Amino acid sequence: MDAPHPRMAERFRGFLPVVVDVETGGFDCNRHALLEIAAQPIELDDDGYYRPGELVSTHVEPFPGAEIDPRSLEVTGIRLDSALRGAVDERTALDRVFVPVRAAAKRHGCQRAILVGHNASFDLGFLNAAVTRVGHKRNPFHPFSTFDTVTLAGMAYGQTVLSRAVQAAGISWDGGQAHSAVYDTERTALLFCTVLNRWRQCVRAGPAIASRE
C-alpha cells in the first residue's frame, strides 16, 4: 500500500504554487499599464495528484500616467472603452486576487504563494510593480522566486511556446481565446499539473523498472 501523500505544504518547502497571467499595455512594468490579471492555485486531490483550483480574475484600470502601446491591445483584443470590462483600480484588483490566494495558502498550511507562469518573470514584474505603486502590504507571493512552465515544458516536451507546449502535453488549445488572462492561466495551470503528475508517475514507476533490469 502506498504511503499517504504529503500535504501541499510539504511539497514545495511551504509554498503554494499559484498560476498567474497578466495582460498589459506593453513590456515595461514600470511604464506600461496592467490591464488584466488572473490567478489559479494548484491543489492536490485525494490520490496526491496535482489539479487546478478555483480561478479568480479581474480587469484593471490603467494607473495614472500609464503608457499603452496600441500594438499590445491588438494582440490581446482588449477594448479599454468597453463598459463590459468592469475594470477596477490597481489596489482593488490586487485585493481581489490576493484575498483568495492568501485563503488558499492558509487552507493548505503554506507560508505563502509562489508564482507559476509562462515566462514567469514578466508576470511577477508587473505584479510587483503594481504592489509597489499602491503600497500594498499583504502581498502573498514570494518577491522573486517563481516556477516557470517554459523551463518545465522545454524539459518535458521540447517546446517553449505556450500553445505548442500545451498541445504537446495533450491539452486542447483554442487560438481564438489566447491572450486572455483567464484562458492563458487555465492552460498554463493544466500544463503545470500535467508535467508534475507525469513526473510523479515516472518516479513511482522507477523502482519497478529498476527491479526488472
Protein backbone atom coordinates (compact mmCIF):
# COMPACT_ATOMS: atom_id res chain seq x y z
CA MET A 1 0.00 0.00 0.00
CA ASP A 2 1.29 3.45 -0.88
CA ALA A 3 2.13 5.81 1.95
CA PRO A 4 -0.25 8.75 2.36
CA HIS A 5 0.73 11.64 0.10
CA PRO A 6 2.36 14.67 1.78
CA ARG A 7 0.36 17.81 2.23
CA MET A 8 0.95 20.60 -0.28
CA ALA A 9 2.92 22.50 2.38
CA GLU A 10 5.45 19.66 2.39
CA ARG A 11 5.80 19.51 -1.40
CA PHE A 12 7.33 22.91 -2.09
CA ARG A 13 9.02 23.97 1.14
CA GLY A 14 5.94 25.68 2.48
CA PHE A 15 4.98 27.48 -0.74
CA LEU A 16 1.67 27.14 -2.58
CA PRO A 17 2.05 27.21 -6.39
CA VAL A 18 -0.35 29.74 -7.91
CA VAL A 19 -0.53 30.18 -11.67
CA VAL A 20 -0.72 33.84 -12.70
CA ASP A 21 -1.12 35.50 -16.07
CA VAL A 22 -1.31 39.22 -16.79
CA GLU A 23 -2.32 41.16 -19.89
CA THR A 24 -0.67 44.54 -20.21
CA GLY A 25 -0.26 47.65 -22.32
CA GLY A 26 3.37 46.88 -23.15
CA PHE A 27 6.52 45.21 -21.87
CA ASP A 28 7.82 47.68 -19.28
CA CYS A 29 6.17 47.01 -15.91
CA ASN A 30 7.02 50.49 -14.62
CA ARG A 31 5.71 52.43 -17.63
CA HIS A 32 3.02 50.27 -19.21
CA ALA A 33 -0.41 49.56 -17.77
CA LEU A 34 -1.52 46.36 -16.09
CA LEU A 35 -4.87 45.64 -17.77
CA GLU A 36 -5.95 42.17 -16.66
CA ILE A 37 -4.82 39.59 -14.12
CA ALA A 38 -5.89 36.03 -13.34
CA ALA A 39 -4.66 33.61 -10.67
CA GLN A 40 -5.34 29.92 -10.05
CA PRO A 41 -3.94 27.99 -7.06
CA ILE A 42 -2.68 24.45 -7.60
CA GLU A 43 -4.10 21.81 -5.28
CA LEU A 44 -3.74 18.09 -4.52
CA ASP A 45 -6.50 15.53 -4.97
CA ASP A 46 -7.06 12.60 -2.62
CA ASP A 47 -4.57 10.48 -4.59
CA GLY A 48 -1.80 13.05 -4.38
CA TYR A 49 -2.08 14.32 -7.95
CA TYR A 50 -1.95 17.99 -8.84
CA ARG A 51 -5.04 19.76 -10.18
CA PRO A 52 -6.02 23.38 -10.82
CA GLY A 53 -8.02 25.03 -8.05
CA GLU A 54 -10.53 27.86 -8.28
CA LEU A 55 -9.59 30.68 -10.64
CA VAL A 56 -10.01 34.36 -9.84
CA SER A 57 -9.61 37.22 -12.31
CA THR A 58 -10.23 40.92 -12.80
CA HIS A 59 -9.76 43.67 -15.36
CA VAL A 60 -7.67 46.62 -14.25
CA GLU A 61 -7.86 50.33 -14.95
CA PRO A 62 -4.54 51.80 -16.16
CA PHE A 63 -2.73 53.55 -13.35
CA PRO A 64 -2.40 57.37 -13.61
CA GLY A 65 0.25 58.24 -16.19
CA ALA A 66 0.45 54.70 -17.57
CA GLU A 67 1.52 54.22 -21.17
CA ILE A 68 -0.29 51.85 -23.51
CA ASP A 69 1.22 50.52 -26.71
CA PRO A 70 -1.59 50.10 -29.30
CA ARG A 71 0.18 47.00 -30.63
CA SER A 72 -0.38 45.28 -27.28
CA LEU A 73 -4.11 45.95 -27.50
CA GLU A 74 -4.14 44.46 -31.00
CA VAL A 75 -2.68 41.23 -29.58
CA THR A 76 -4.94 40.99 -26.52
CA GLY A 77 -8.10 42.37 -28.13
CA ILE A 78 -8.74 44.46 -25.00
CA ARG A 79 -11.03 47.46 -25.56
CA LEU A 80 -10.31 49.98 -22.85
CA ASP A 81 -13.51 51.92 -23.54
CA SER A 82 -15.77 48.89 -23.15
CA ALA A 83 -18.13 49.08 -20.17
CA LEU A 84 -18.23 45.29 -20.17
CA ARG A 85 -14.64 45.19 -18.88
CA GLY A 86 -15.77 46.16 -15.40
CA ALA A 87 -12.22 47.28 -14.68
CA VAL A 88 -11.18 48.36 -11.18
CA ASP A 89 -8.22 50.32 -9.86
CA GLU A 90 -4.97 48.50 -9.13
CA ARG A 91 -5.45 48.38 -5.37
CA THR A 92 -8.89 46.80 -5.70
CA ALA A 93 -7.62 44.41 -8.38
CA LEU A 94 -4.76 43.22 -6.17
CA ASP A 95 -7.15 42.68 -3.26
CA ARG A 96 -9.44 40.60 -5.48
CA VAL A 97 -6.53 38.32 -6.27
CA PHE A 98 -4.60 38.39 -3.00
CA VAL A 99 -7.50 37.62 -0.64
CA PRO A 100 -8.40 34.22 -2.18
CA VAL A 101 -4.72 33.38 -2.72
CA ARG A 102 -3.98 34.00 0.97
CA ALA A 103 -7.00 31.89 1.89
CA ALA A 104 -5.81 29.04 -0.33
CA ALA A 105 -2.31 29.19 1.18
CA LYS A 106 -3.77 29.06 4.69
CA ARG A 107 -6.06 26.17 3.75
CA HIS A 108 -3.09 24.15 2.56
CA GLY A 109 -0.89 25.08 5.52
CA CYS A 110 1.52 27.03 3.32
CA GLN A 111 3.56 30.04 4.40
CA ARG A 112 2.94 31.97 1.21
CA ALA A 113 2.35 31.61 -2.53
CA ILE A 114 4.91 31.17 -5.27
CA LEU A 115 4.05 32.41 -8.75
CA VAL A 116 3.82 29.90 -11.58
CA GLY A 117 3.87 31.44 -15.04
CA HIS A 118 4.87 31.01 -18.65
CA ASN A 119 7.80 33.44 -18.77
CA ALA A 120 7.09 33.95 -15.09
CA SER A 121 9.44 36.91 -14.59
CA PHE A 122 7.20 39.01 -16.86
CA ASP A 123 4.07 38.33 -14.79
CA LEU A 124 5.89 38.74 -11.48
CA GLY A 125 7.42 42.02 -12.66
CA PHE A 126 4.02 43.55 -13.38
CA LEU A 127 2.57 42.15 -10.15
CA ASN A 128 5.41 43.55 -8.04
CA ALA A 129 5.27 46.92 -9.82
CA ALA A 130 1.56 47.26 -9.03
CA VAL A 131 2.21 46.27 -5.40
CA THR A 132 4.84 48.99 -5.15
CA ARG A 133 2.66 51.64 -6.79
CA VAL A 134 -0.25 51.16 -4.37
CA GLY A 135 1.89 50.38 -1.33
CA HIS A 136 0.18 47.02 -0.76
CA LYS A 137 1.36 45.42 2.49
CA ARG A 138 -0.21 41.97 2.18
CA ASN A 139 1.25 40.51 -0.99
CA PRO A 140 1.12 36.71 -0.52
CA PHE A 141 3.60 35.96 -3.32
CA HIS A 142 7.32 35.34 -2.90
CA PRO A 143 9.00 38.54 -4.12
CA PHE A 144 11.42 36.91 -6.58
CA SER A 145 11.18 33.09 -6.71
CA THR A 146 8.97 31.52 -9.39
CA PHE A 147 8.17 28.26 -11.16
CA ASP A 148 8.40 28.79 -14.93
CA THR A 149 6.49 26.48 -17.26
CA VAL A 150 8.80 27.50 -20.10
CA THR A 151 11.55 25.51 -18.41
CA LEU A 152 9.25 22.63 -17.44
CA ALA A 153 7.77 22.35 -20.94
CA GLY A 154 11.17 22.62 -22.55
CA MET A 155 12.40 19.74 -20.40
CA ALA A 156 9.30 17.58 -20.78
CA TYR A 157 8.25 18.25 -24.39
CA GLY A 158 10.99 20.23 -26.11
CA GLN A 159 8.59 23.14 -26.54
CA THR A 160 8.79 26.62 -25.03
CA VAL A 161 5.91 28.47 -26.76
CA LEU A 162 2.78 28.09 -24.62
CA SER A 163 0.45 26.98 -27.42
CA ARG A 164 2.89 24.34 -28.66
CA ALA A 165 3.74 23.13 -25.18
CA VAL A 166 0.08 22.78 -24.23
CA GLN A 167 -0.68 20.75 -27.37
CA ALA A 168 2.44 18.61 -26.89
CA ALA A 169 1.10 17.79 -23.43
CA GLY A 170 -2.14 16.55 -24.99
CA ILE A 171 -4.19 19.54 -23.82
CA SER A 172 -6.59 21.33 -26.16
CA TRP A 173 -5.69 24.83 -27.37
CA ASP A 174 -8.01 27.45 -28.87
CA GLY A 175 -6.04 30.23 -30.52
CA GLY A 176 -9.15 32.40 -30.57
CA GLN A 177 -9.18 32.54 -26.77
CA ALA A 178 -5.43 33.02 -26.34
CA HIS A 179 -4.04 36.24 -24.85
CA SER A 180 -6.86 36.38 -22.34
CA ALA A 181 -5.52 36.25 -18.78
CA VAL A 182 -8.21 33.75 -17.81
CA TYR A 183 -7.62 31.38 -20.74
CA ASP A 184 -3.83 31.53 -20.57
CA THR A 185 -3.94 30.93 -16.81
CA GLU A 186 -6.18 27.88 -17.24
CA ARG A 187 -3.98 26.39 -19.96
CA THR A 188 -0.78 27.11 -18.01
CA ALA A 189 -2.24 25.52 -14.89
CA LEU A 190 -3.16 22.37 -16.81
CA LEU A 191 0.32 22.27 -18.34
CA PHE A 192 1.99 22.64 -14.94
CA CYS A 193 -0.16 19.90 -13.41
CA THR A 194 0.37 17.55 -16.36
CA VAL A 195 4.17 17.82 -16.19
CA LEU A 196 4.27 17.34 -12.42
CA ASN A 197 1.81 14.44 -12.45
CA ARG A 198 3.74 12.63 -15.19
CA TRP A 199 6.97 13.18 -13.27
CA ARG A 200 5.32 11.68 -10.20
CA GLN A 201 4.25 8.65 -12.22
CA CYS A 202 7.80 8.21 -13.52
CA VAL A 203 9.25 8.40 -10.02
CA ARG A 204 6.75 5.86 -8.72
CA ALA A 205 7.49 3.54 -11.65
CA GLY A 206 11.25 3.90 -11.27
CA PRO A 207 11.84 1.22 -8.62
CA ALA A 208 9.71 -1.29 -10.51
CA ILE A 209 11.61 -0.63 -13.74
CA ALA A 210 14.96 -0.86 -11.97
CA SER A 211 13.99 -4.19 -10.39
CA ARG A 212 13.44 -5.71 -13.86
CA GLU A 213 16.84 -4.65 -15.16
